[in-house]
Amino acid sequence: MTQPQDINSPVVSASKRRNNIQLAISSYSYWHFREPKVSLESVIQKAGELGVNGVDVLHQQMDSEERSYLHKLKQTAFHNGIDLVCLSIHQNFVYPDAERRQQHIDHTIRCIELAHEMGIPSIRLNSGRWGTIASFDELMAQRGIEPPLEGYSDDDAFSWCIDSIEKCLPKAEECGVLLALENHWGLTYEPQGVLRIAQAVDSPWLGVLMDTGNFLEEPYDKLELLAPHADFVQAKTYFGGGEWYDLDLDYKRIAQILRDANYSGYISLEFEGKEHADTGVPKSLEVLREAFEIAS
């Protein structure tokens, strides 16, 4: 008699995995760091009305880190049929000074604890950048590329970043929170940088967050490199023109890249256009639903 296959076998899971892609909304879609701040409660409610499954919480958009506030967000999500799926944080491990790196390690550990308290299974992690271009507007004008500090090299920065992440891993494992390293600016501007860090750390508690809008030139080949490693995906759209730049992304092509990589998880919308979010977000969701063949 033929023995049943082990459903936990990596070979079986890769070949038999069903397409279970679900949509989420990043709270950043409603607040681009300008006053007035849009409350997370209102974003969660809008997400429920728009029929998505999750919300990706921007840490800087939180009004408090008190337990009562965290529990309020968790309860609001439950009442609206929404999962809180990621806590997108900001930190920077690219400092020659070990004390400054430790401050960002401590911040990351604190955010792991916040995510755990809210029932969030992952946090968005940055590598960080040199800061030799102080203005973000100027950094974007330079297409996200900046030189190292004098006397240092990118190899130094990779070493600091890898060491810092490794110091966060015990807390991530304790809390059951995945650290999802994003292709952002700085060391992770290219997919090779993301993979260099992930492969050096080599832990099940460090994953990869693929952001579709952070490769400014020739994105598709780069997305193909990251897609097989992706644990979470953020998808940018730019209705009304981008806040800093906009890309004409072919989401049907991106959807096929993710299918080919057997990705089956969340696609979190990051609406970064100047159009009002109340119209730009629904338009963006329709683009993603059509591309990923998700019923509304």
Foldseek 3Di string as FASTA:
>chain_A
DDDDDDCPDPVNCLVVPDAAEFEEAELLQQPVPDPPQDAPLVVLQVRLVLPGAEYAYEPVSQPDLDLVSLVVSLVSNVVSNHYHAEYEYDAEQQDPDVVNNVVRLVVVLSVLVSCLSNVYAEYEDELHAQCPPVDPLVCVVVLQDDAHDPPDHVVVSLVRSLVSVLVNVVSCVVSNHAYAYECAGHQSLAVVSVVVSCVVNVDPRYFHEYEQPSNPPPRLVRLLVCLLGHPHYEYEAAVQAFPRHGDPDDLLSSLVSNVVSSDHYYYYYRYGYPPRSVPSVSVVVVSNCVSNVNDD
